[in-house]
Amino acid sequence: MRRTQSFLWFVLAMITLSCNGQKEPVDSKKDQPTKTESHSDYLFAPNAKPDSTNIPNDTFVPLFYEGQLAHWIRTIHEDPKGNLWFGTNHYGVIRYDGEGLTYFTKDKGFGDSRVSAAVVEVDGRIYFGTSEGITQYHPEDASFSYLTTNDGLVHNEIWCMTKTKDGTIWIGTTEGVSQFDGQTFSTFAIPKPNVSNPKALISCNRITSILEDRQGNLWFGTDGYGVCKYDGNSFIHYTKADGLCDNTISGLFEDSSGSIWIGTMFGGISLYDSQAFKNLTDEGLITGTEASGFYEDTDGSVWFAMEHQGVYNYDGNTYRLYNQDSGLGSTGIISILRDSKNRFWFGGWKGLFRFKNQQFDTITKTGPWD
């Protein structure tokens, strides 16, 4: 099966929105019963024989690897106990606890099948951003609860989440931004710049990414309107007219030097040093136009993925591309994490991969985990 551009695949998979209309909010799931899981809920343990029935269903696209965790791994997070949580496109969230994998799907009480973002609290609570609001995981009894538009969320379709230094959780949705203080939601309005002929993929109000920089400024990536920076008092907009490589933003990231990496859907990457934009694709430093998965490693190097190309590592001097020649079985990586055990994970189309000794392994339900 030939793969089309990942983001556009999602657009076809969902009801497309435009600046002239909105998707009706999904009803709240607050009254949905919670589910408490036990060891018997494991769908796969590392010593068991791989079986395609371990994946909840295979109706979306065919699997590429025997025992593959999921067709798509969208997010990777680690909780305070060292459990790994993998957000998927079709099966809710998968947890690996060192003994086995547990799929938390809708029939197990999880709020939705697609996970786009997550915030992990120090007490082990996790807020998962989905297409139907927020599913909150409570570690004390392994149960779920739900937050939606009925609770004040501006829209149920969530694309990004981040927790700022003051403890506020910021949520980017199809129809704008919500702030959550742990108890109540408030809507945060962002003005639009004057962009000639904006082309929103999903919605002209969609917020694709949110970043708090080291000065406390908030950066918002938009769908067709570039980047908006908020310093607590005023808004500053950056668009193609200001040197940004594209107005449809796919990711925001600040490295340890304070540079802001701005990934886009159609223009590659712009690197902003607070003075000017450096367009990596236009300058021939990298190849590709759709960027995602920004991550700074323990050695200070920056990793990111380019659709149809592979993943790049920038050590401060050189951009090195890793692809199938290094064993990477996907050209659609969208999430990267090094965990507390020094295992380096890459997730995206075709599932989960691990980088070790300059090579990638494809991770199935039998691992390799250690």
Protein backbone atom coordinates (compact mmCIF):
# COMPACT_ATOMS: atom_id res chain seq x y z
CA MET A 1 0.00 0.00 0.00
CA ARG A 2 1.52 3.25 -1.08
CA ARG A 3 1.41 5.82 1.65
CA THR A 4 0.11 9.33 1.14
CA GLN A 5 1.11 12.30 3.21
CA SER A 6 0.26 11.49 6.81
CA PHE A 7 -1.56 14.63 7.77
CA LEU A 8 -3.71 14.64 4.68
CA TRP A 9 -4.56 11.01 5.42
CA PHE A 10 -6.04 12.18 8.72
CA VAL A 11 -8.02 14.85 6.93
CA LEU A 12 -9.63 12.21 4.75
CA ALA A 13 -10.29 10.07 7.81
CA MET A 14 -12.24 12.80 9.58
CA ILE A 15 -14.91 15.32 8.62
CA THR A 16 -13.07 18.19 7.00
CA LEU A 17 -13.79 21.61 8.41
CA SER A 18 -13.32 25.02 6.87
CA CYS A 19 -13.25 28.63 7.97
CA ASN A 20 -16.89 28.82 6.96
CA GLY A 21 -18.20 26.09 9.23
CA GLN A 22 -17.67 24.12 12.42
CA LYS A 23 -18.03 20.54 13.47
CA GLU A 24 -20.77 19.93 16.00
CA PRO A 25 -19.38 19.30 19.50
CA VAL A 26 -19.36 15.71 20.69
CA ASP A 27 -21.59 14.96 23.65
CA SER A 28 -19.89 14.68 27.03
CA LYS A 29 -18.91 11.23 28.27
CA LYS A 30 -18.91 12.16 31.91
CA ASP A 31 -21.57 9.57 32.66
CA GLN A 32 -19.74 6.75 30.91
CA PRO A 33 -18.78 4.10 33.48
CA THR A 34 -15.10 3.90 34.39
CA LYS A 35 -13.05 0.77 33.91
CA THR A 36 -10.63 -0.67 36.41
CA GLU A 37 -8.03 -2.92 34.81
CA SER A 38 -6.18 -5.86 36.24
CA HIS A 39 -3.30 -8.05 35.13
CA SER A 40 -5.81 -10.22 33.30
CA ASP A 41 -6.49 -7.29 30.96
CA TYR A 42 -3.13 -7.74 29.23
CA LEU A 43 -3.65 -8.38 25.55
CA PHE A 44 -0.06 -9.44 25.16
CA ALA A 45 2.84 -10.45 27.37
CA PRO A 46 6.41 -10.57 26.01
CA ASN A 47 6.72 -14.37 26.30
CA ALA A 48 3.46 -15.13 24.54
CA LYS A 49 3.19 -16.11 20.90
CA PRO A 50 2.38 -13.22 18.55
CA ASP A 51 -1.15 -13.27 17.22
CA SER A 52 -2.92 -10.73 15.03
CA THR A 53 -5.96 -10.85 17.30
CA ASN A 54 -3.93 -9.10 20.01
CA ILE A 55 -4.60 -5.85 18.16
CA PRO A 56 -8.23 -4.84 18.81
CA ASN A 57 -9.07 -4.86 15.10
CA ASP A 58 -7.43 -4.60 11.69
CA THR A 59 -10.10 -2.80 9.73
CA PHE A 60 -8.28 0.45 8.96
CA VAL A 61 -5.14 -0.47 7.06
CA PRO A 62 -3.20 -3.73 6.87
CA LEU A 63 -0.40 -4.37 9.34
CA PHE A 64 3.13 -4.10 8.05
CA TYR A 65 4.92 -6.21 10.68
CA GLU A 66 3.89 -9.40 12.46
CA GLY A 67 2.93 -8.48 16.00
CA GLN A 68 2.99 -4.75 15.26
CA LEU A 69 1.69 -2.66 18.21
CA ALA A 70 -0.49 -0.39 16.08
CA HIS A 71 -0.65 1.10 12.62
CA TRP A 72 0.22 4.50 14.07
CA ILE A 73 1.96 5.57 17.29
CA ARG A 74 1.17 9.26 17.64
CA THR A 75 2.54 10.10 21.11
CA ILE A 76 5.03 8.58 23.56
CA HIS A 77 5.10 9.45 27.26
CA GLU A 78 6.57 8.00 30.45
CA ASP A 79 4.80 8.22 33.80
CA PRO A 80 6.51 8.57 37.23
CA LYS A 81 6.55 4.78 37.70
CA GLY A 82 8.41 4.23 34.44
CA ASN A 83 5.39 2.95 32.51
CA LEU A 84 5.42 3.86 28.83
CA TRP A 85 2.20 5.13 27.25
CA PHE A 86 1.74 5.07 23.48
CA GLY A 87 -1.09 7.09 22.00
CA THR A 88 -2.47 5.56 18.81
CA ASN A 89 -4.68 6.52 15.90
CA HIS A 90 -7.22 3.71 16.23
CA TYR A 91 -6.87 1.93 19.58
CA GLY A 92 -6.80 4.59 22.25
CA VAL A 93 -3.65 4.27 24.33
CA ILE A 94 -1.26 1.36 24.95
CA ARG A 95 0.65 0.97 28.22
CA TYR A 96 3.86 -1.00 28.59
CA ASP A 97 4.67 -1.62 32.28
CA GLY A 98 7.75 -3.80 31.88
CA GLU A 99 5.74 -7.02 31.96
CA GLY A 100 3.24 -6.67 29.15
CA LEU A 101 1.11 -4.42 26.98
CA THR A 102 -2.37 -3.23 27.87
CA TYR A 103 -4.65 -1.66 25.26
CA PHE A 104 -7.05 0.89 26.77
CA THR A 105 -9.72 1.15 24.10
CA LYS A 106 -13.23 2.60 24.08
CA ASP A 107 -14.73 -0.68 25.20
CA LYS A 108 -12.39 -0.58 28.21
CA GLY A 109 -13.57 2.88 29.19
CA PHE A 110 -11.09 5.03 27.30
CA GLY A 111 -12.74 8.11 25.81
CA ASP A 112 -11.85 7.80 22.13
CA SER A 113 -9.80 5.81 19.64
CA ARG A 114 -7.38 8.59 18.59
CA VAL A 115 -4.86 10.21 20.96
CA SER A 116 -3.15 13.37 19.74
CA ALA A 117 -1.50 14.67 22.93
CA ALA A 118 -0.97 14.01 26.62
CA VAL A 119 0.14 15.73 29.82
CA VAL A 120 1.62 13.54 32.57
CA GLU A 121 1.35 14.83 36.14
CA VAL A 122 3.92 14.11 38.89
CA ASP A 123 1.34 12.07 40.82
CA GLY A 124 0.79 9.76 37.82
CA ARG A 125 -2.44 11.28 36.56
CA ILE A 126 -2.48 11.64 32.79
CA TYR A 127 -4.61 13.90 30.63
CA PHE A 128 -5.01 12.43 27.14
CA GLY A 129 -6.16 14.73 24.36
CA THR A 130 -8.44 12.90 21.91
CA SER A 131 -10.96 13.63 19.17
CA GLU A 132 -13.73 13.55 21.76
CA GLY A 133 -12.31 15.69 24.54
CA ILE A 134 -9.93 14.80 27.37
CA THR A 135 -9.69 11.37 28.95
CA GLN A 136 -8.10 11.56 32.39
CA TYR A 137 -6.36 8.49 33.82
CA HIS A 138 -6.44 8.05 37.62
CA PRO A 139 -3.59 5.79 38.76
CA GLU A 140 -4.95 5.18 42.25
CA ASP A 141 -7.70 2.93 40.90
CA ALA A 142 -6.74 2.66 37.21
CA SER A 143 -9.96 4.40 36.16
CA PHE A 144 -10.87 7.04 33.60
CA SER A 145 -12.94 10.21 33.70
CA TYR A 146 -13.85 12.63 30.93
CA LEU A 147 -13.78 16.36 30.22
CA THR A 148 -15.57 17.81 27.20
CA THR A 149 -17.37 20.89 25.93
CA ASN A 150 -20.02 20.25 28.57
CA ASP A 151 -17.34 21.06 31.15
CA GLY A 152 -16.19 24.22 29.37
CA LEU A 153 -13.67 22.89 26.84
CA VAL A 154 -13.87 25.11 23.76
CA HIS A 155 -14.04 22.12 21.37
CA ASN A 156 -13.70 18.37 21.76
CA GLU A 157 -11.26 17.71 18.93
CA ILE A 158 -7.83 18.19 20.53
CA TRP A 159 -4.56 18.57 18.61
CA CYS A 160 -2.01 19.59 21.24
CA MET A 161 -1.55 20.07 24.99
CA THR A 162 1.18 21.51 27.19
CA LYS A 163 1.57 22.37 30.87
CA THR A 164 3.20 25.71 31.64
CA LYS A 165 5.38 26.62 34.61
CA ASP A 166 2.42 28.05 36.54
CA GLY A 167 0.61 24.70 36.38
CA THR A 168 -1.91 25.67 33.71
CA ILE A 169 -2.69 23.11 31.01
CA TRP A 170 -3.10 24.72 27.60
CA ILE A 171 -5.16 22.83 25.05
CA GLY A 172 -5.19 23.47 21.32
CA THR A 173 -8.37 22.36 19.59
CA THR A 174 -10.04 22.59 16.20
CA GLU A 175 -11.80 25.78 17.31
CA GLY A 176 -9.25 27.56 19.46
CA VAL A 177 -7.48 27.37 22.82
CA SER A 178 -8.67 26.36 26.28
CA GLN A 179 -6.86 26.85 29.59
CA PHE A 180 -7.41 24.34 32.38
CA ASP A 181 -6.35 24.93 36.00
CA GLY A 182 -7.28 21.46 37.19
CA GLN A 183 -10.81 22.49 38.03
CA THR A 184 -12.27 24.77 35.38
CA PHE A 185 -11.76 25.69 31.73
CA SER A 186 -11.47 29.15 30.25
CA THR A 187 -11.25 30.09 26.59
CA PHE A 188 -8.18 32.01 25.41
CA ALA A 189 -8.84 34.11 22.32
CA ILE A 190 -6.05 34.58 19.77
CA PRO A 191 -6.37 37.28 17.11
CA LYS A 192 -5.62 36.43 13.50
CA PRO A 193 -3.07 38.24 11.36
CA ASN A 194 -3.84 39.58 7.94
CA VAL A 195 -2.95 36.64 5.69
CA SER A 196 -3.74 36.73 2.01
CA ASN A 197 -5.78 33.73 0.91
CA PRO A 198 -5.28 31.55 4.03
CA LYS A 199 -5.65 27.82 3.38
CA ALA A 200 -6.71 25.93 6.48
CA LEU A 201 -6.43 22.15 6.29
CA ILE A 202 -9.01 21.54 9.04
CA SER A 203 -10.21 24.84 10.49
CA CYS A 204 -9.00 28.43 10.42
CA ASN A 205 -9.32 28.42 14.23
CA ARG A 206 -7.32 25.22 14.77
CA ILE A 207 -4.28 25.37 17.05
CA THR A 208 -1.76 22.72 16.05
CA SER A 209 0.96 23.23 18.67
CA ILE A 210 1.67 25.23 21.84
CA LEU A 211 5.07 26.06 23.35
CA GLU A 212 6.14 27.95 26.45
CA ASP A 213 9.67 29.28 25.96
CA ARG A 214 12.26 29.94 28.67
CA GLN A 215 11.15 33.58 29.00
CA GLY A 216 7.59 32.48 29.64
CA ASN A 217 6.30 33.54 26.23
CA LEU A 218 3.63 31.34 24.70
CA TRP A 219 3.87 30.33 21.05
CA PHE A 220 0.85 29.06 19.14
CA GLY A 221 1.03 27.21 15.83
CA THR A 222 -1.99 27.72 13.62
CA ASP A 223 -3.68 26.20 10.61
CA GLY A 224 -2.91 28.67 7.83
CA TYR A 225 -2.03 31.75 9.88
CA GLY A 226 1.58 31.10 10.85
CA VAL A 227 2.83 31.44 14.43
CA CYS A 228 1.49 33.70 17.18
CA LYS A 229 3.68 34.71 20.15
CA TYR A 230 2.07 35.97 23.36
CA ASP A 231 4.25 37.70 25.97
CA GLY A 232 1.52 38.08 28.59
CA ASN A 233 0.38 41.43 27.29
CA SER A 234 0.41 41.49 23.52
CA PHE A 235 0.46 39.25 20.47
CA ILE A 236 3.15 39.10 17.80
CA HIS A 237 2.44 37.25 14.54
CA TYR A 238 4.98 35.61 12.25
CA THR A 239 3.88 34.53 8.78
CA LYS A 240 5.45 33.91 5.38
CA ALA A 241 5.47 37.67 4.92
CA ASP A 242 7.93 37.86 7.83
CA GLY A 243 10.19 35.09 6.52
CA LEU A 244 8.45 32.01 7.92
CA CYS A 245 8.71 29.12 5.46
CA ASP A 246 5.00 28.21 5.59
CA ASN A 247 1.83 29.32 7.37
CA THR A 248 0.51 25.86 8.30
CA ILE A 249 2.36 24.81 11.45
CA SER A 250 3.02 21.19 12.43
CA GLY A 251 5.27 21.62 15.48
CA LEU A 252 7.02 24.07 17.83
CA PHE A 253 10.14 23.38 19.88
CA GLU A 254 12.75 25.35 21.83
CA ASP A 255 16.26 23.91 22.13
CA SER A 256 18.72 24.45 24.97
CA SER A 257 20.30 27.41 23.18
CA GLY A 258 16.95 29.21 23.05
CA SER A 259 16.37 28.80 19.33
CA ILE A 260 12.79 28.11 18.26
CA TRP A 261 12.25 25.32 15.73
CA ILE A 262 9.08 25.81 13.70
CA GLY A 263 7.92 22.78 11.74
CA THR A 264 5.44 23.24 8.95
CA MET A 265 3.32 21.12 6.66
CA PHE A 266 4.42 22.44 3.28
CA GLY A 267 7.60 24.47 3.74
CA GLY A 268 9.93 22.42 5.91
CA ILE A 269 11.49 23.98 9.02
CA SER A 270 12.20 27.55 10.04
CA LEU A 271 14.79 28.07 12.80
CA TYR A 272 14.23 31.33 14.69
CA ASP A 273 17.01 32.90 16.79
CA SER A 274 14.90 35.86 18.03
CA GLN A 275 16.20 37.98 15.16
CA ALA A 276 15.57 36.17 11.88
CA PHE A 277 14.32 32.95 10.31
CA LYS A 278 16.66 30.36 8.83
CA ASN A 279 14.76 28.08 6.46
CA LEU A 280 16.48 24.70 6.57
CA THR A 281 14.76 23.14 3.57
CA ASP A 282 15.14 26.20 1.34
CA GLU A 283 18.84 26.39 2.20
CA GLY A 284 19.36 22.74 1.30
CA LEU A 285 20.39 21.67 4.80
CA ILE A 286 17.60 19.08 4.95
CA THR A 287 15.19 17.45 2.50
CA GLY A 288 11.43 17.40 2.83
CA THR A 289 8.56 19.77 3.56
CA GLU A 290 6.48 18.19 6.38
CA ALA A 291 8.21 18.24 9.78
CA SER A 292 7.32 16.68 13.13
CA GLY A 293 8.61 14.98 16.28
CA PHE A 294 11.11 17.55 17.59
CA TYR A 295 13.20 16.29 20.50
CA GLU A 296 16.47 17.32 22.21
CA ASP A 297 18.61 14.38 23.29
CA THR A 298 20.76 14.13 26.41
CA ASP A 299 23.85 15.18 24.45
CA GLY A 300 22.16 18.39 23.29
CA SER A 301 21.59 17.25 19.73
CA VAL A 302 18.19 17.84 18.16
CA TRP A 303 16.17 15.12 16.45
CA PHE A 304 13.23 15.69 14.14
CA ALA A 305 11.36 13.80 11.44
CA MET A 306 10.72 14.75 7.85
CA GLU A 307 7.85 13.04 6.08
CA HIS A 308 8.95 10.61 3.34
CA GLN A 309 12.62 11.13 4.29
CA GLY A 310 13.27 9.68 7.76
CA VAL A 311 14.66 11.33 10.89
CA TYR A 312 17.42 13.90 11.19
CA ASN A 313 19.90 14.47 13.98
CA TYR A 314 21.53 17.89 14.30
CA ASP A 315 24.62 17.96 16.52
CA GLY A 316 25.17 21.70 16.24
CA ASN A 317 27.17 21.40 13.04
CA THR A 318 25.82 18.64 10.81
CA TYR A 319 22.38 17.37 9.84
CA ARG A 320 22.53 13.58 9.60
CA LEU A 321 19.65 11.66 8.03
CA TYR A 322 18.62 8.22 9.28
CA ASN A 323 16.34 6.13 7.09
CA GLN A 324 15.94 2.57 5.85
CA ASP A 325 19.73 2.28 5.51
CA SER A 326 19.86 2.43 9.31
CA GLY A 327 17.01 -0.05 9.75
CA LEU A 328 14.25 2.53 10.20
CA GLY A 329 11.12 0.89 8.81
CA SER A 330 9.07 4.07 8.52
CA THR A 331 9.32 7.41 6.77
CA GLY A 332 6.48 8.80 8.88
CA ILE A 333 7.86 9.29 12.42
CA ILE A 334 5.89 11.80 14.50
CA SER A 335 6.98 11.21 18.13
CA ILE A 336 10.36 10.72 19.83
CA LEU A 337 11.31 10.00 23.47
CA ARG A 338 14.32 8.77 25.42
CA ASP A 339 13.00 7.15 28.61
CA SER A 340 14.46 6.93 32.12
CA LYS A 341 16.12 3.60 31.25
CA ASN A 342 17.96 5.27 28.36
CA ARG A 343 15.86 3.50 25.74
CA PHE A 344 15.31 5.71 22.70
CA TRP A 345 11.87 5.37 21.08
CA PHE A 346 10.50 6.60 17.76
CA GLY A 347 6.80 6.29 16.93
CA GLY A 348 4.70 6.94 13.87
CA TRP A 349 3.41 5.18 10.80
CA LYS A 350 4.04 1.43 11.00
CA GLY A 351 4.24 1.58 14.79
CA LEU A 352 7.16 1.76 17.19
CA PHE A 353 10.93 1.75 16.63
CA ARG A 354 13.96 1.85 18.90
CA PHE A 355 17.33 3.44 18.19
CA LYS A 356 20.43 1.78 19.61
CA ASN A 357 24.05 1.61 18.45
CA GLN A 358 23.28 3.77 15.43
CA GLN A 359 20.62 1.34 14.19
CA PHE A 360 16.85 1.06 14.45
CA ASP A 361 14.87 -2.00 15.53
CA THR A 362 11.21 -2.51 14.68
CA ILE A 363 9.35 -3.10 17.95
CA THR A 364 6.62 -5.73 17.95
CA LYS A 365 4.79 -7.09 20.95
CA THR A 366 7.76 -9.32 21.71
CA GLY A 367 10.07 -6.32 21.74
CA PRO A 368 12.98 -5.92 21.89
CA TRP A 369 12.02 -3.98 25.04
CA ASP A 370 15.28 -4.17 27.02
